[in-house]
Amino acid sequence: MARVETNTRRIIMRLRAEGWQRIGGGKHEIYGHPGLPHLFVVLSRQKEQSPGVARATARTAGWI
């Protein structure tokens, strides 16, 4: 299994570089992509994401 990025700042930088936009959130940040209207990425505001959340984010964003 490939290692996925767990650093929240790096994940957000990559999401923004690929066109994802922050669309809201309180305790979590929610990102959506204009070209993919029903897909959302939800990240907690911690410095590191758990491996499961990081893997789910990568899958949703199409990285794996």
C-alpha atoms as a PDB file:
ATOM      1  CA  MET A   1       0.000   0.000   0.000  1.00  0.00           C
ATOM      2  CA  ALA A   2       1.355   3.409  -0.972  1.00  0.00           C
ATOM      3  CA  ARG A   3       2.122   5.917   1.758  1.00  0.00           C
ATOM      4  CA  VAL A   4      -0.192   8.920   1.713  1.00  0.00           C
ATOM      5  CA  GLU A   5       0.539  12.445   2.911  1.00  0.00           C
ATOM      6  CA  THR A   6      -0.768  13.087   6.434  1.00  0.00           C
ATOM      7  CA  ASN A   7       0.491  16.670   6.923  1.00  0.00           C
ATOM      8  CA  THR A   8      -2.586  18.903   6.764  1.00  0.00           C
ATOM      9  CA  ARG A   9      -0.774  21.918   5.283  1.00  0.00           C
ATOM     10  CA  ARG A  10       0.654  19.853   2.447  1.00  0.00           C
ATOM     11  CA  ILE A  11      -2.725  18.243   1.747  1.00  0.00           C
ATOM     12  CA  ILE A  12      -4.408  21.664   1.591  1.00  0.00           C
ATOM     13  CA  MET A  13      -1.663  23.079  -0.660  1.00  0.00           C
ATOM     14  CA  ARG A  14      -2.117  20.210  -3.100  1.00  0.00           C
ATOM     15  CA  LEU A  15      -5.916  20.500  -3.021  1.00  0.00           C
ATOM     16  CA  ARG A  16      -5.739  24.234  -3.791  1.00  0.00           C
ATOM     17  CA  ALA A  17      -3.184  23.676  -6.569  1.00  0.00           C
ATOM     18  CA  GLU A  18      -5.616  21.240  -8.205  1.00  0.00           C
ATOM     19  CA  GLY A  19      -8.560  23.641  -8.061  1.00  0.00           C
ATOM     20  CA  TRP A  20     -10.312  22.583  -4.852  1.00  0.00           C
ATOM     21  CA  GLN A  21     -11.850  25.494  -2.943  1.00  0.00           C
ATOM     22  CA  ARG A  22     -12.695  25.881   0.730  1.00  0.00           C
ATOM     23  CA  ILE A  23     -16.479  26.053   0.975  1.00  0.00           C
ATOM     24  CA  GLY A  24     -16.972  26.214   4.716  1.00  0.00           C
ATOM     25  CA  GLY A  25     -16.446  24.464   7.969  1.00  0.00           C
ATOM     26  CA  GLY A  26     -16.298  24.979  11.687  1.00  0.00           C
ATOM     27  CA  LYS A  27     -14.222  22.384  13.505  1.00  0.00           C
ATOM     28  CA  HIS A  28     -13.429  20.831  10.128  1.00  0.00           C
ATOM     29  CA  GLU A  29     -12.512  22.397   6.811  1.00  0.00           C
ATOM     30  CA  ILE A  30     -14.667  21.391   3.849  1.00  0.00           C
ATOM     31  CA  TYR A  31     -13.359  21.583   0.295  1.00  0.00           C
ATOM     32  CA  GLY A  32     -15.258  21.192  -2.941  1.00  0.00           C
ATOM     33  CA  HIS A  33     -14.238  21.155  -6.575  1.00  0.00           C
ATOM     34  CA  PRO A  34     -16.246  23.194  -9.115  1.00  0.00           C
ATOM     35  CA  GLY A  35     -15.869  20.442 -11.730  1.00  0.00           C
ATOM     36  CA  LEU A  36     -16.962  17.711  -9.309  1.00  0.00           C
ATOM     37  CA  PRO A  37     -20.130  19.085  -7.676  1.00  0.00           C
ATOM     38  CA  HIS A  38     -20.942  16.139  -5.393  1.00  0.00           C
ATOM     39  CA  LEU A  39     -17.462  15.389  -4.042  1.00  0.00           C
ATOM     40  CA  PHE A  40     -16.235  16.965  -0.834  1.00  0.00           C
ATOM     41  CA  VAL A  41     -13.076  16.653   1.232  1.00  0.00           C
ATOM     42  CA  VAL A  42     -13.436  17.136   4.983  1.00  0.00           C
ATOM     43  CA  LEU A  43     -10.291  17.739   7.050  1.00  0.00           C
ATOM     44  CA  SER A  44      -9.956  18.286  10.773  1.00  0.00           C
ATOM     45  CA  ARG A  45      -7.934  21.314  11.839  1.00  0.00           C
ATOM     46  CA  GLN A  46      -5.128  19.218  13.323  1.00  0.00           C
ATOM     47  CA  LYS A  47      -1.523  19.429  12.094  1.00  0.00           C
ATOM     48  CA  GLU A  48      -1.586  15.773  11.051  1.00  0.00           C
ATOM     49  CA  GLN A  49      -4.469  13.727   9.678  1.00  0.00           C
ATOM     50  CA  SER A  50      -4.887  10.107  10.669  1.00  0.00           C
ATOM     51  CA  PRO A  51      -3.783   7.625   7.995  1.00  0.00           C
ATOM     52  CA  GLY A  52      -7.399   6.625   7.344  1.00  0.00           C
ATOM     53  CA  VAL A  53      -8.551  10.217   6.804  1.00  0.00           C
ATOM     54  CA  ALA A  54      -5.505  10.941   4.640  1.00  0.00           C
ATOM     55  CA  ARG A  55      -6.221   7.851   2.526  1.00  0.00           C
ATOM     56  CA  ALA A  56      -9.913   8.806   2.142  1.00  0.00           C
ATOM     57  CA  THR A  57      -8.899  12.343   1.125  1.00  0.00           C
ATOM     58  CA  ALA A  58      -6.446  11.007  -1.455  1.00  0.00           C
ATOM     59  CA  ARG A  59      -9.085   8.666  -2.837  1.00  0.00           C
ATOM     60  CA  THR A  60     -11.706  11.436  -3.096  1.00  0.00           C
ATOM     61  CA  ALA A  61      -9.250  13.827  -4.735  1.00  0.00           C
ATOM     62  CA  GLY A  62      -8.190  11.140  -7.207  1.00  0.00           C
ATOM     63  CA  TRP A  63      -4.589  10.845  -6.014  1.00  0.00           C
ATOM     64  CA  ILE A  64      -4.835   7.068  -5.504  1.00  0.00           C
END
